[in-house]
Amino acid sequence: MKTRAITAFFFTIVMLGSIFLGSYTFTIFYLVLSVLSLFEFYKLIKNSGIRPHRNIGLVAGALIFFMAAGLHYLKYDVKYLLLCIPLIFSVFISELYKKNKIPFANISYTFVGFVYVTIPFCFFHALGFLKNWNEYNFHYPLAFLLMLWANDTGAYLFGVKYGKRKLFERHSPKKSWEGFFGGMFTSVLVAFGLSFIFTESPAWVWAGMAVLIANFGTLGDLVESMLKRSLDTKDSGGLLPGHGGLLDRFDGLLLAAPVVYAYLYLILY
């Protein structure tokens, strides 16, 4: 528990620093984070005997994130994102030169890495430019993280205190319905508090964001648990002492970020 607390403290400081220190720090930090998370995903999958195209996948994942982020800095036409396509689909050609009995499993998991890891990080990064396409604003990504952490903390505390009814025992035996609603309640409380500080959106918009984060953050946790159980693995990695890997820490973000971005974009525009 001590190791877990120390890791959480320093990692939280780094996360908040990446948001407060400006757009370039924010972009570089999440570019690195997305690539490391994708590397962790491919390493995890490799333990099952499947051989995703890790090197091509990492380069393609970095390029996807870099070009998506570049839209906010270089203001180029969206059509140039199509330049990613030859690199992404080169995995088919590369697989031709491998002697493997399950070639399309290797190809499929390479693409799953982009969808499951890279694209959600792109959406989270885009939250920083949601209000103004070419101007960085830390309010939405900061609020997202605070609500996500509030949901996790509330779910744990309410689950320990009142948890009786299992939420999804097959994938996560410790989660309860009481913890789920407790996490949502805590997240919504944080949302209302933030509405007095970040006044660009009304309280109901922040509350809706909190509800989505509670729902899809929990589903993201369950999906990652399903992945680890299917691979008979306890943690996705060992980068964060006491917490496991990056995927263990960002499982909620991976499903919640695209949904929250879509919600805010539809509401604000």
Protein backbone atom coordinates (compact mmCIF):
# COMPACT_ATOMS: atom_id res chain seq x y z
CA MET A 1 0.00 0.00 0.00
CA LYS A 2 2.89 2.36 0.78
CA THR A 3 4.49 1.71 -2.60
CA ARG A 4 1.13 2.17 -4.29
CA ALA A 5 0.53 5.50 -2.52
CA ILE A 6 4.00 6.87 -3.36
CA THR A 7 3.65 5.89 -7.01
CA ALA A 8 0.17 7.42 -7.20
CA PHE A 9 1.38 10.68 -5.65
CA PHE A 10 4.29 11.21 -8.03
CA PHE A 11 2.40 10.02 -11.08
CA THR A 12 -0.46 12.41 -10.26
CA ILE A 13 2.03 15.29 -10.00
CA VAL A 14 3.46 14.38 -13.41
CA MET A 15 -0.02 14.09 -14.95
CA LEU A 16 -1.13 17.46 -13.61
CA GLY A 17 2.17 19.06 -14.61
CA SER A 18 1.75 17.84 -18.19
CA ILE A 19 -1.62 19.62 -18.33
CA PHE A 20 -0.61 22.89 -16.64
CA LEU A 21 2.75 23.41 -18.42
CA GLY A 22 1.24 24.30 -21.78
CA SER A 23 0.22 22.72 -25.04
CA TYR A 24 3.62 21.42 -26.15
CA THR A 25 4.29 19.64 -22.87
CA PHE A 26 0.74 18.27 -22.93
CA THR A 27 1.16 16.97 -26.49
CA ILE A 28 4.61 15.44 -26.01
CA PHE A 29 3.64 13.78 -22.73
CA TYR A 30 0.55 12.09 -24.17
CA LEU A 31 2.37 11.16 -27.37
CA VAL A 32 4.95 9.30 -25.27
CA LEU A 33 2.24 7.88 -23.03
CA SER A 34 0.24 6.57 -25.99
CA VAL A 35 3.29 4.90 -27.55
CA LEU A 36 4.32 3.29 -24.24
CA SER A 37 0.77 2.06 -23.67
CA LEU A 38 0.65 0.62 -27.19
CA PHE A 39 4.00 -1.10 -26.60
CA GLU A 40 2.59 -2.56 -23.38
CA PHE A 41 -0.50 -3.80 -25.23
CA TYR A 42 1.57 -5.56 -27.92
CA LYS A 43 3.84 -7.08 -25.27
CA LEU A 44 0.78 -8.34 -23.39
CA ILE A 45 -0.69 -9.90 -26.53
CA LYS A 46 2.64 -11.50 -27.43
CA ASN A 47 2.49 -13.53 -24.21
CA SER A 48 -0.52 -15.39 -25.67
CA GLY A 49 1.49 -16.66 -28.64
CA ILE A 50 0.16 -14.11 -31.11
CA ARG A 51 2.80 -11.96 -32.82
CA PRO A 52 1.42 -8.50 -33.65
CA HIS A 53 3.58 -6.27 -35.82
CA ARG A 54 4.99 -4.30 -32.92
CA ASN A 55 7.53 -2.09 -34.70
CA ILE A 56 5.19 -1.09 -37.53
CA GLY A 57 2.40 -0.64 -35.01
CA LEU A 58 4.44 1.65 -32.76
CA VAL A 59 5.61 3.83 -35.65
CA ALA A 60 2.09 3.97 -37.09
CA GLY A 61 0.60 4.70 -33.65
CA ALA A 62 3.06 7.56 -33.07
CA LEU A 63 2.33 8.93 -36.56
CA ILE A 64 -1.44 8.76 -36.02
CA PHE A 65 -1.16 10.66 -32.74
CA PHE A 66 1.37 13.15 -34.14
CA MET A 67 -0.73 13.96 -37.19
CA ALA A 68 -3.96 14.22 -35.17
CA ALA A 69 -2.21 16.58 -32.73
CA GLY A 70 -0.61 18.48 -35.61
CA LEU A 71 -4.04 19.56 -36.82
CA HIS A 72 -4.15 22.00 -33.89
CA TYR A 73 -0.68 23.43 -34.52
CA LEU A 74 0.04 23.33 -38.25
CA LYS A 75 -3.55 23.88 -39.44
CA TYR A 76 -3.13 21.59 -42.44
CA ASP A 77 -5.99 20.00 -44.34
CA VAL A 78 -7.54 16.90 -42.74
CA LYS A 79 -6.93 15.03 -46.01
CA TYR A 80 -3.24 14.69 -45.10
CA LEU A 81 -4.21 12.22 -42.40
CA LEU A 82 -4.60 9.80 -45.29
CA LEU A 83 -0.80 9.60 -45.39
CA CYS A 84 -1.06 7.25 -42.40
CA ILE A 85 -2.88 4.64 -44.48
CA PRO A 86 0.11 3.15 -46.41
CA LEU A 87 2.07 2.64 -43.19
CA ILE A 88 -0.90 1.17 -41.32
CA PHE A 89 -1.74 -1.30 -44.08
CA SER A 90 1.89 -2.32 -44.57
CA VAL A 91 1.25 -4.90 -41.83
CA PHE A 92 -0.47 -7.05 -44.48
CA ILE A 93 2.62 -7.00 -46.67
CA SER A 94 4.93 -7.64 -43.72
CA GLU A 95 2.88 -10.67 -42.69
CA LEU A 96 3.50 -12.25 -46.11
CA TYR A 97 7.15 -12.75 -45.14
CA LYS A 98 6.37 -14.39 -41.81
CA LYS A 99 5.92 -18.11 -41.39
CA ASN A 100 2.98 -18.18 -39.03
CA LYS A 101 -0.07 -20.40 -38.80
CA ILE A 102 -2.36 -17.55 -37.72
CA PRO A 103 -1.34 -14.57 -39.90
CA PHE A 104 -4.63 -12.73 -39.64
CA ALA A 105 -4.60 -12.96 -35.86
CA ASN A 106 -1.27 -11.09 -35.93
CA ILE A 107 -2.69 -8.50 -38.31
CA SER A 108 -5.93 -8.13 -36.35
CA TYR A 109 -4.26 -7.51 -33.01
CA THR A 110 -1.97 -4.93 -34.61
CA PHE A 111 -5.06 -2.98 -35.67
CA VAL A 112 -6.82 -3.56 -32.35
CA GLY A 113 -3.90 -1.74 -30.70
CA PHE A 114 -4.66 1.40 -32.73
CA VAL A 115 -8.38 1.28 -31.95
CA TYR A 116 -8.05 0.35 -28.29
CA VAL A 117 -5.05 2.50 -27.31
CA THR A 118 -3.92 5.12 -29.83
CA ILE A 119 -7.25 6.59 -30.93
CA PRO A 120 -8.59 7.09 -27.37
CA PHE A 121 -5.42 9.00 -26.45
CA CYS A 122 -5.93 11.15 -29.57
CA PHE A 123 -9.44 12.00 -28.39
CA PHE A 124 -8.22 12.82 -24.89
CA HIS A 125 -5.55 15.11 -26.35
CA ALA A 126 -8.22 16.77 -28.51
CA LEU A 127 -10.13 17.73 -25.35
CA GLY A 128 -7.42 20.33 -24.79
CA PHE A 129 -8.40 22.06 -28.03
CA LEU A 130 -12.15 21.55 -27.89
CA LYS A 131 -13.19 25.14 -27.16
CA ASN A 132 -10.92 26.65 -29.78
CA TRP A 133 -9.42 24.40 -32.48
CA ASN A 134 -6.08 26.27 -32.51
CA GLU A 135 -5.81 27.32 -28.87
CA TYR A 136 -4.98 25.09 -25.94
CA ASN A 137 -7.27 25.14 -22.89
CA PHE A 138 -6.56 22.76 -20.01
CA HIS A 139 -10.06 22.91 -18.48
CA TYR A 140 -11.62 19.91 -20.21
CA PRO A 141 -8.71 17.44 -19.94
CA LEU A 142 -8.15 18.46 -16.30
CA ALA A 143 -11.85 18.08 -15.50
CA PHE A 144 -11.86 14.70 -17.24
CA LEU A 145 -9.02 13.39 -15.09
CA LEU A 146 -10.44 14.80 -11.84
CA MET A 147 -13.84 13.22 -12.54
CA LEU A 148 -12.22 9.91 -13.52
CA TRP A 149 -10.12 9.85 -10.34
CA ALA A 150 -13.16 10.85 -8.27
CA ASN A 151 -15.12 8.00 -9.81
CA ASP A 152 -12.36 5.48 -9.04
CA THR A 153 -11.94 6.74 -5.48
CA GLY A 154 -15.68 6.89 -4.78
CA ALA A 155 -16.25 3.44 -6.25
CA TYR A 156 -13.52 1.99 -4.02
CA LEU A 157 -14.71 3.69 -0.81
CA PHE A 158 -18.41 3.01 -1.32
CA GLY A 159 -17.64 -0.52 -2.50
CA VAL A 160 -15.58 -1.33 0.58
CA LYS A 161 -18.17 0.19 2.93
CA TYR A 162 -21.46 -0.87 1.33
CA GLY A 163 -20.64 -3.27 -1.49
CA LYS A 164 -22.88 -6.35 -1.53
CA ARG A 165 -24.31 -6.79 -5.03
CA LYS A 166 -21.72 -7.84 -7.60
CA LEU A 167 -21.51 -5.62 -10.67
CA PHE A 168 -19.84 -8.04 -13.11
CA GLU A 169 -18.39 -10.93 -11.15
CA ARG A 170 -17.19 -12.86 -14.20
CA HIS A 171 -14.63 -10.17 -15.09
CA SER A 172 -14.15 -8.23 -11.84
CA PRO A 173 -15.26 -10.03 -8.64
CA LYS A 174 -14.55 -7.06 -6.37
CA LYS A 175 -16.73 -4.51 -8.16
CA SER A 176 -20.21 -3.86 -6.79
CA TRP A 177 -23.28 -1.89 -7.82
CA GLU A 178 -22.96 0.13 -4.62
CA GLY A 179 -19.41 1.05 -5.58
CA PHE A 180 -20.49 1.91 -9.12
CA PHE A 181 -23.20 4.35 -8.01
CA GLY A 182 -20.94 5.70 -5.27
CA GLY A 183 -18.28 6.45 -7.86
CA MET A 184 -20.81 8.17 -10.11
CA PHE A 185 -22.10 10.24 -7.17
CA THR A 186 -18.56 11.34 -6.28
CA SER A 187 -17.77 12.19 -9.90
CA VAL A 188 -20.93 14.29 -10.25
CA LEU A 189 -20.08 16.16 -7.03
CA VAL A 190 -16.68 17.03 -8.49
CA ALA A 191 -18.39 18.11 -11.71
CA PHE A 192 -20.66 20.55 -9.86
CA GLY A 193 -17.68 21.92 -7.96
CA LEU A 194 -15.78 22.47 -11.20
CA SER A 195 -18.78 24.25 -12.75
CA PHE A 196 -18.15 27.17 -10.35
CA ILE A 197 -14.49 27.37 -11.43
CA PHE A 198 -14.75 26.61 -15.16
CA THR A 199 -17.70 28.73 -16.18
CA GLU A 200 -17.50 28.26 -19.96
CA SER A 201 -20.05 25.44 -19.71
CA PRO A 202 -23.18 25.17 -17.52
CA ALA A 203 -23.32 22.75 -14.60
CA TRP A 204 -25.50 20.23 -16.44
CA VAL A 205 -22.85 19.83 -19.16
CA TRP A 206 -20.18 19.03 -16.56
CA ALA A 207 -22.59 16.68 -14.76
CA GLY A 208 -23.35 14.86 -18.03
CA MET A 209 -19.63 14.50 -18.60
CA ALA A 210 -19.25 12.98 -15.11
CA VAL A 211 -22.04 10.46 -15.72
CA LEU A 212 -20.44 9.36 -19.00
CA ILE A 213 -17.04 9.04 -17.36
CA ALA A 214 -18.49 6.95 -14.54
CA ASN A 215 -20.26 4.62 -16.97
CA PHE A 216 -17.65 4.23 -19.67
CA GLY A 217 -14.72 4.46 -17.27
CA THR A 218 -16.15 1.46 -15.41
CA LEU A 219 -16.77 -0.37 -18.69
CA GLY A 220 -13.19 0.37 -19.72
CA ASP A 221 -11.97 -1.18 -16.47
CA LEU A 222 -14.08 -4.28 -17.14
CA VAL A 223 -12.86 -4.56 -20.74
CA GLU A 224 -9.24 -4.44 -19.60
CA SER A 225 -10.00 -7.05 -16.93
CA MET A 226 -11.55 -9.21 -19.66
CA LEU A 227 -8.39 -8.80 -21.75
CA LYS A 228 -6.09 -9.78 -18.88
CA ARG A 229 -8.25 -12.76 -17.90
CA SER A 230 -8.28 -14.00 -21.47
CA LEU A 231 -4.47 -13.89 -21.40
CA ASP A 232 -4.25 -15.26 -17.83
CA THR A 233 -2.32 -12.16 -16.72
CA LYS A 234 -2.66 -10.24 -13.45
CA ASP A 235 -1.18 -6.88 -14.54
CA SER A 236 -0.66 -5.35 -17.97
CA GLY A 237 2.90 -4.42 -17.03
CA GLY A 238 5.24 -3.36 -14.24
CA LEU A 239 6.08 0.23 -15.12
CA LEU A 240 4.18 1.68 -12.14
CA PRO A 241 5.18 -0.04 -8.87
CA GLY A 242 2.12 -1.09 -6.90
CA HIS A 243 -0.22 -0.25 -9.79
CA GLY A 244 0.87 -2.58 -12.59
CA GLY A 245 1.17 -1.13 -16.06
CA LEU A 246 -0.07 1.92 -17.93
CA LEU A 247 -3.09 0.08 -19.29
CA ASP A 248 -4.08 -0.74 -15.71
CA ARG A 249 -4.07 2.98 -14.89
CA PHE A 250 -5.68 4.27 -18.10
CA ASP A 251 -8.25 1.55 -18.76
CA GLY A 252 -11.07 3.93 -17.84
CA LEU A 253 -9.76 6.67 -20.12
CA LEU A 254 -9.56 4.36 -23.14
CA LEU A 255 -13.33 3.91 -23.43
CA ALA A 256 -14.46 7.16 -21.82
CA ALA A 257 -12.34 9.71 -23.74
CA PRO A 258 -13.87 9.15 -27.23
CA VAL A 259 -17.42 9.13 -25.81
CA VAL A 260 -16.87 12.28 -23.73
CA TYR A 261 -15.28 14.09 -26.68
CA ALA A 262 -18.25 13.18 -28.91
CA TYR A 263 -20.68 14.34 -26.21
CA LEU A 264 -18.95 17.69 -25.66
CA TYR A 265 -18.47 18.30 -29.38
CA LEU A 266 -22.17 17.67 -30.08
CA ILE A 267 -23.22 19.85 -27.12
CA LEU A 268 -20.85 22.74 -27.77
CA TYR A 269 -21.17 22.83 -31.55
